Amino acid sequence: MQHARVDCNHLGNESSTELSRRLEERGVRSGTIDARTVRFVTHTVVDDAGLDVTIDALHAIADEDGS
């Protein structure tokens, strides 16, 4: 599997810690690398539905922020 970088600048200026907290509220676990970088790691038990939950959570946060 290759690593991918996704541009999430449209999510605003909040810190990676704050974004990670908001994702956790939606059932998505993530980690932070630095103040502007969130890390997601998939596991063999994460299926397409799990990825959809993550995508939906990111969209919901962007919508809340008016992005």
C-alpha atoms as a PDB file:
ATOM      1  CA  MET A   1       0.000   0.000   0.000  1.00  0.00           C
ATOM      2  CA  GLN A   2       1.285   3.456  -0.839  1.00  0.00           C
ATOM      3  CA  HIS A   3       1.139   6.438   1.435  1.00  0.00           C
ATOM      4  CA  ALA A   4      -1.050   9.269   0.216  1.00  0.00           C
ATOM      5  CA  ARG A   5      -1.167  12.916   1.105  1.00  0.00           C
ATOM      6  CA  VAL A   6      -4.574  14.547   1.045  1.00  0.00           C
ATOM      7  CA  ASP A   7      -4.941  18.319   0.980  1.00  0.00           C
ATOM      8  CA  CYS A   8      -7.337  19.221   3.767  1.00  0.00           C
ATOM      9  CA  ASN A   9      -6.649  22.943   3.842  1.00  0.00           C
ATOM     10  CA  HIS A  10     -10.356  23.511   3.249  1.00  0.00           C
ATOM     11  CA  LEU A  11     -10.926  22.319   6.827  1.00  0.00           C
ATOM     12  CA  GLY A  12      -9.809  25.689   8.141  1.00  0.00           C
ATOM     13  CA  ASN A  13      -7.048  26.784  10.431  1.00  0.00           C
ATOM     14  CA  GLU A  14      -7.715  24.589  13.431  1.00  0.00           C
ATOM     15  CA  SER A  15      -4.867  22.598  14.899  1.00  0.00           C
ATOM     16  CA  SER A  16      -4.410  18.950  14.152  1.00  0.00           C
ATOM     17  CA  THR A  17      -5.176  18.256  17.817  1.00  0.00           C
ATOM     18  CA  GLU A  18      -8.561  19.973  17.527  1.00  0.00           C
ATOM     19  CA  LEU A  19      -9.385  18.208  14.261  1.00  0.00           C
ATOM     20  CA  SER A  20      -8.404  14.880  15.799  1.00  0.00           C
ATOM     21  CA  ARG A  21     -10.693  15.590  18.778  1.00  0.00           C
ATOM     22  CA  ARG A  22     -13.603  16.421  16.481  1.00  0.00           C
ATOM     23  CA  LEU A  23     -13.030  13.258  14.473  1.00  0.00           C
ATOM     24  CA  GLU A  24     -12.964  11.192  17.672  1.00  0.00           C
ATOM     25  CA  GLU A  25     -16.430  12.577  18.513  1.00  0.00           C
ATOM     26  CA  ARG A  26     -17.584  10.990  15.256  1.00  0.00           C
ATOM     27  CA  GLY A  27     -15.943   7.639  15.943  1.00  0.00           C
ATOM     28  CA  VAL A  28     -12.809   8.225  13.861  1.00  0.00           C
ATOM     29  CA  ARG A  29      -9.456   7.711  15.532  1.00  0.00           C
ATOM     30  CA  SER A  30      -6.444   9.610  14.259  1.00  0.00           C
ATOM     31  CA  GLY A  31      -3.113  10.841  15.488  1.00  0.00           C
ATOM     32  CA  THR A  32      -1.178  14.032  15.145  1.00  0.00           C
ATOM     33  CA  ILE A  33       2.322  14.465  13.769  1.00  0.00           C
ATOM     34  CA  ASP A  34       2.633  18.204  14.239  1.00  0.00           C
ATOM     35  CA  ALA A  35       0.350  21.224  14.623  1.00  0.00           C
ATOM     36  CA  ARG A  36      -0.929  20.946  11.034  1.00  0.00           C
ATOM     37  CA  THR A  37      -0.699  17.229  10.218  1.00  0.00           C
ATOM     38  CA  VAL A  38      -3.204  14.499  11.101  1.00  0.00           C
ATOM     39  CA  ARG A  39      -2.257  10.872  10.587  1.00  0.00           C
ATOM     40  CA  PHE A  40      -4.709   8.106   9.712  1.00  0.00           C
ATOM     41  CA  VAL A  41      -3.662   4.461   9.793  1.00  0.00           C
ATOM     42  CA  THR A  42      -5.855   1.727   8.427  1.00  0.00           C
ATOM     43  CA  HIS A  43      -5.887  -1.845   9.625  1.00  0.00           C
ATOM     44  CA  THR A  44      -7.079  -5.035   8.025  1.00  0.00           C
ATOM     45  CA  VAL A  45     -10.369  -4.742   9.927  1.00  0.00           C
ATOM     46  CA  VAL A  46     -11.085  -1.306   8.404  1.00  0.00           C
ATOM     47  CA  ASP A  47     -13.279  -1.912   5.381  1.00  0.00           C
ATOM     48  CA  ASP A  48     -14.822   0.405   2.802  1.00  0.00           C
ATOM     49  CA  ALA A  49     -17.631   1.265   5.212  1.00  0.00           C
ATOM     50  CA  GLY A  50     -15.061   2.356   7.778  1.00  0.00           C
ATOM     51  CA  LEU A  51     -13.372   4.562   5.220  1.00  0.00           C
ATOM     52  CA  ASP A  52     -16.765   6.053   4.340  1.00  0.00           C
ATOM     53  CA  VAL A  53     -17.270   6.945   8.026  1.00  0.00           C
ATOM     54  CA  THR A  54     -13.964   8.837   7.965  1.00  0.00           C
ATOM     55  CA  ILE A  55     -14.790  10.647   4.742  1.00  0.00           C
ATOM     56  CA  ASP A  56     -18.260  11.560   6.003  1.00  0.00           C
ATOM     57  CA  ALA A  57     -16.777  12.865   9.269  1.00  0.00           C
ATOM     58  CA  LEU A  58     -14.317  15.084   7.402  1.00  0.00           C
ATOM     59  CA  HIS A  59     -17.115  16.411   5.196  1.00  0.00           C
ATOM     60  CA  ALA A  60     -19.314  17.092   8.242  1.00  0.00           C
ATOM     61  CA  ILE A  61     -16.545  19.049   9.950  1.00  0.00           C
ATOM     62  CA  ALA A  62     -15.894  21.050   6.786  1.00  0.00           C
ATOM     63  CA  ASP A  63     -19.637  21.781   6.497  1.00  0.00           C
ATOM     64  CA  GLU A  64     -19.840  22.913  10.125  1.00  0.00           C
ATOM     65  CA  ASP A  65     -16.981  25.293   9.486  1.00  0.00           C
ATOM     66  CA  GLY A  66     -18.662  26.658   6.372  1.00  0.00           C
ATOM     67  CA  SER A  67     -15.975  25.374   4.044  1.00  0.00           C
END
